[in-house]
């Protein structure tokens, strides 16, 4: 992929979406989410180009924009706090990730039904270092068939600090991305692997390098 072109597109698209207005019958939180998604695309493109500083700036902006969308979204819109936490972790904004994780739990992610809410809760708990609780939630969403299944396995391995199981689950997550045809904003990056690795670093888990066109470097 031409990452310079993707970054230029995302930058331009972000400006266009910022200038757009919500039409009759349209949801404002969807418009705000689309703005955040453009920032997220620019952030990942920057990371793929090796510009971590610009990537962090874009991803922090995306997290803030996803938060603005979440605050006016209907209850149960767990994809927004998931995106917020993931963006913060990718930007290495640990304090911000912990703040957003605490907000997701306070909003009820831990008790909400379904694998998406469970993923949000597990991600939040791991971000806050509440690994025992995260392991329980990871087992639950594995049984509820979170897709891809390897994500729940990786979350559980992180909660147990099981580096052997984590390495295997991490590779399976990457393979699931490599088998995909559709990517959000057509940004072909295995960003979940990067998010999981950020959580692994917090636990002192060293993982072998992965070689893929869907990962930086």
Protein backbone atom coordinates (compact mmCIF):
# COMPACT_ATOMS: atom_id res chain seq x y z
CA UNK A 1 0.00 0.00 0.00
CA UNK A 2 1.13 3.57 -0.72
CA UNK A 3 1.14 4.90 2.83
CA UNK A 4 2.09 8.43 1.82
CA UNK A 5 -1.00 8.57 -0.37
CA UNK A 6 -3.16 7.03 2.36
CA UNK A 7 -1.94 9.62 4.87
CA UNK A 8 -2.68 12.47 2.45
CA UNK A 9 -6.14 11.03 1.80
CA UNK A 10 -6.90 10.65 5.51
CA UNK A 11 -5.76 14.21 6.26
CA UNK A 12 -7.94 15.60 3.47
CA UNK A 13 -10.86 13.36 4.43
CA UNK A 14 -10.62 14.48 8.04
CA UNK A 15 -10.97 18.12 6.98
CA UNK A 16 -13.88 17.29 4.68
CA UNK A 17 -15.74 15.38 7.39
CA UNK A 18 -15.11 18.13 9.93
CA UNK A 19 -16.75 20.61 7.58
CA UNK A 20 -19.74 18.36 6.89
CA UNK A 21 -23.10 18.78 8.60
CA UNK A 22 -25.61 16.23 9.81
CA UNK A 23 -28.58 16.01 7.48
CA UNK A 24 -32.24 15.49 8.38
CA UNK A 25 -32.79 12.08 9.89
CA UNK A 26 -29.04 11.42 10.24
CA UNK A 27 -27.27 10.73 13.51
CA UNK A 28 -24.71 13.24 14.71
CA UNK A 29 -22.76 10.56 16.60
CA UNK A 30 -22.21 8.72 13.30
CA UNK A 31 -20.79 11.89 11.72
CA UNK A 32 -18.47 12.36 14.69
CA UNK A 33 -17.37 8.74 14.50
CA UNK A 34 -16.50 9.17 10.83
CA UNK A 35 -14.30 12.16 11.74
CA UNK A 36 -12.54 10.05 14.36
CA UNK A 37 -12.06 7.23 11.87
CA UNK A 38 -10.24 9.57 9.49
CA UNK A 39 -7.87 10.59 12.30
CA UNK A 40 -7.36 6.93 13.15
CA UNK A 41 -6.52 6.19 9.50
CA UNK A 42 -3.98 9.02 9.46
CA UNK A 43 -2.47 7.75 12.69
CA UNK A 44 -1.99 4.21 11.42
CA UNK A 45 -0.63 5.45 8.10
CA UNK A 46 1.91 7.54 10.02
CA UNK A 47 2.95 4.50 12.08
CA UNK A 48 3.38 2.46 8.89
CA UNK A 49 5.63 5.23 7.58
CA UNK A 50 7.73 5.05 10.73
CA UNK A 51 6.63 8.47 12.00
CA UNK A 52 5.66 7.53 15.56
CA UNK A 53 5.36 11.15 16.74
CA UNK A 54 2.81 12.05 14.06
CA UNK A 55 1.05 8.72 14.58
CA UNK A 56 0.70 9.43 18.29
CA UNK A 57 -0.68 12.90 17.63
CA UNK A 58 -3.30 11.63 15.18
CA UNK A 59 -4.29 8.71 17.39
CA UNK A 60 -4.73 10.90 20.47
CA UNK A 61 -6.94 13.16 18.37
CA UNK A 62 -8.91 10.15 17.19
CA UNK A 63 -9.43 9.02 20.80
CA UNK A 64 -10.76 12.44 21.74
CA UNK A 65 -13.08 12.45 18.72
CA UNK A 66 -14.37 8.95 19.45
CA UNK A 67 -15.06 10.14 23.01
CA UNK A 68 -17.09 13.08 21.75
CA UNK A 69 -19.13 10.68 19.63
CA UNK A 70 -19.61 8.21 22.49
CA UNK A 71 -20.97 10.87 24.83
CA UNK A 72 -23.97 11.46 22.55
CA UNK A 73 -24.37 7.88 21.27
CA UNK A 74 -27.19 5.56 22.41
CA UNK A 75 -26.47 3.26 25.36
CA UNK A 76 -24.60 0.12 24.41
CA UNK A 77 -22.33 1.75 21.81
CA UNK A 78 -19.32 -0.14 23.15
CA UNK A 79 -17.34 0.15 19.94
CA UNK A 80 -16.55 3.79 20.79
CA UNK A 81 -14.76 3.21 24.12
CA UNK A 82 -13.00 0.22 22.55
CA UNK A 83 -11.69 2.55 19.85
CA UNK A 84 -10.72 5.17 22.44
CA UNK A 85 -8.69 2.74 24.53
CA UNK A 86 -7.05 1.18 21.47
CA UNK A 87 -6.05 4.56 20.08
CA UNK A 88 -4.53 5.60 23.40
CA UNK A 89 -2.56 2.36 23.68
CA UNK A 90 -1.25 2.71 20.14
CA UNK A 91 -0.25 6.30 20.91
CA UNK A 92 1.52 5.10 24.09
CA UNK A 93 -0.74 7.41 26.08
CA UNK A 94 -0.94 5.15 29.13
CA UNK A 95 -2.56 7.72 31.42
CA UNK A 96 -5.20 8.53 28.81
CA UNK A 97 -5.86 4.84 28.15
CA UNK A 98 -6.39 4.24 31.87
CA UNK A 99 -8.75 7.19 32.11
CA UNK A 100 -10.83 5.94 29.17
CA UNK A 101 -10.76 2.38 30.54
CA UNK A 102 -12.09 3.56 33.88
CA UNK A 103 -14.83 5.49 32.08
CA UNK A 104 -15.89 2.41 30.12
CA UNK A 105 -16.20 0.35 33.29
CA UNK A 106 -18.08 3.12 35.07
CA UNK A 107 -20.51 3.17 32.13
CA UNK A 108 -21.32 -0.50 32.72
CA UNK A 109 -19.19 -2.44 30.22
CA UNK A 110 -18.41 -5.14 32.76
CA UNK A 111 -22.05 -6.03 33.34
CA UNK A 112 -23.32 -5.47 29.79
CA UNK A 113 -24.23 -8.56 27.74
CA UNK A 114 -22.60 -9.68 24.53
CA UNK A 115 -19.06 -10.27 23.27
CA UNK A 116 -18.45 -6.65 22.15
CA UNK A 117 -19.23 -5.28 25.61
CA UNK A 118 -17.11 -8.11 27.01
CA UNK A 119 -14.21 -7.18 24.75
CA UNK A 120 -14.52 -3.59 25.94
CA UNK A 121 -14.50 -4.74 29.57
CA UNK A 122 -11.53 -7.08 29.13
CA UNK A 123 -9.54 -4.41 27.32
CA UNK A 124 -10.36 -1.88 30.03
CA UNK A 125 -9.48 -4.26 32.86
CA UNK A 126 -6.14 -5.17 31.28
CA UNK A 127 -5.37 -1.50 30.73
CA UNK A 128 -6.02 -0.87 34.43
CA UNK A 129 -3.96 -3.89 35.52
CA UNK A 130 -6.98 -5.76 36.89
CA UNK A 131 -5.77 -8.98 35.29
CA UNK A 132 -7.67 -11.49 37.43
CA UNK A 133 -10.98 -9.95 36.46
CA UNK A 134 -9.85 -9.64 32.84
CA UNK A 135 -9.10 -13.37 32.68
CA UNK A 136 -12.65 -14.18 33.75
CA UNK A 137 -14.13 -11.85 31.12
CA UNK A 138 -11.79 -13.21 28.42
CA UNK A 139 -13.02 -16.73 29.12
CA UNK A 140 -16.61 -15.51 28.88
CA UNK A 141 -16.21 -13.80 25.51
CA UNK A 142 -14.34 -16.81 24.17
CA UNK A 143 -17.42 -18.88 24.99
CA UNK A 144 -19.61 -16.20 23.40
CA UNK A 145 -17.53 -16.53 20.21
CA UNK A 146 -15.93 -13.12 19.92
CA UNK A 147 -14.57 -12.78 16.39
CA UNK A 148 -11.79 -13.40 15.68
CA UNK A 149 -11.61 -16.05 18.41
CA UNK A 150 -7.85 -15.60 18.78
CA UNK A 151 -8.40 -12.12 20.27
CA UNK A 152 -10.13 -13.58 23.33
CA UNK A 153 -7.35 -16.17 23.60
CA UNK A 154 -4.71 -13.43 23.48
CA UNK A 155 -6.53 -11.36 26.10
CA UNK A 156 -6.72 -14.37 28.40
CA UNK A 157 -3.03 -15.15 27.91
CA UNK A 158 -2.12 -11.55 28.75
CA UNK A 159 -4.26 -11.71 31.89
CA UNK A 160 -2.39 -14.85 32.99
CA UNK A 161 0.98 -13.43 31.87
CA UNK A 162 1.35 -16.65 29.85
CA UNK A 163 3.94 -15.63 27.26
CA UNK A 164 3.89 -18.96 25.40
CA UNK A 165 0.10 -18.88 24.94
CA UNK A 166 0.26 -15.20 24.06
CA UNK A 167 2.78 -15.73 21.26
CA UNK A 168 0.58 -18.38 19.67
CA UNK A 169 -2.63 -16.34 20.00
CA UNK A 170 -0.90 -13.22 18.69
CA UNK A 171 0.22 -15.07 15.56
CA UNK A 172 -3.34 -16.34 15.06
CA UNK A 173 -4.68 -12.79 15.34
CA UNK A 174 -2.24 -11.68 12.64
CA UNK A 175 -3.28 -14.56 10.38
CA UNK A 176 -6.92 -13.54 10.79
CA UNK A 177 -6.03 -10.04 9.57
CA UNK A 178 -4.06 -11.43 6.65
CA UNK A 179 -7.12 -13.43 5.60
CA UNK A 180 -9.37 -10.35 5.59
CA UNK A 181 -10.59 -8.60 2.49
CA UNK A 182 -12.26 -5.56 4.11
CA UNK A 183 -10.58 -3.07 6.44
CA UNK A 184 -11.99 0.05 8.08
CA UNK A 185 -11.18 3.04 5.83
CA UNK A 186 -9.22 0.52 3.70
CA UNK A 187 -6.30 0.84 6.14
CA UNK A 188 -4.62 -2.53 5.82
CA UNK A 189 -2.98 -2.74 9.23
CA UNK A 190 -3.22 -5.48 11.85
CA UNK A 191 -3.82 -2.87 14.52
CA UNK A 192 -5.16 -5.38 17.06
CA UNK A 193 -1.72 -7.03 17.13
CA UNK A 194 -0.18 -3.65 17.93
CA UNK A 195 -2.74 -3.04 20.70
CA UNK A 196 -2.11 -6.47 22.22
CA UNK A 197 1.65 -5.89 22.09
CA UNK A 198 1.19 -2.59 23.92
CA UNK A 199 -0.55 -4.48 26.73
CA UNK A 200 2.16 -7.15 26.65
CA UNK A 201 4.88 -4.52 27.10
CA UNK A 202 3.10 -3.26 30.21
CA UNK A 203 3.48 -6.77 31.64
CA UNK A 204 7.10 -7.22 30.63
CA UNK A 205 6.22 -9.90 28.08
CA UNK A 206 8.69 -10.06 25.22
CA UNK A 207 7.28 -11.34 21.95
CA UNK A 208 9.30 -12.36 18.89
CA UNK A 209 9.12 -9.93 15.97
CA UNK A 210 6.48 -10.60 13.33
CA UNK A 211 7.03 -9.98 9.64
CA UNK A 212 3.96 -8.85 7.73
CA UNK A 213 2.96 -6.18 5.25
CA UNK A 214 0.17 -5.37 7.74
CA UNK A 215 2.63 -4.29 10.45
CA UNK A 216 5.11 -1.40 10.69
CA UNK A 217 8.67 -2.20 9.69
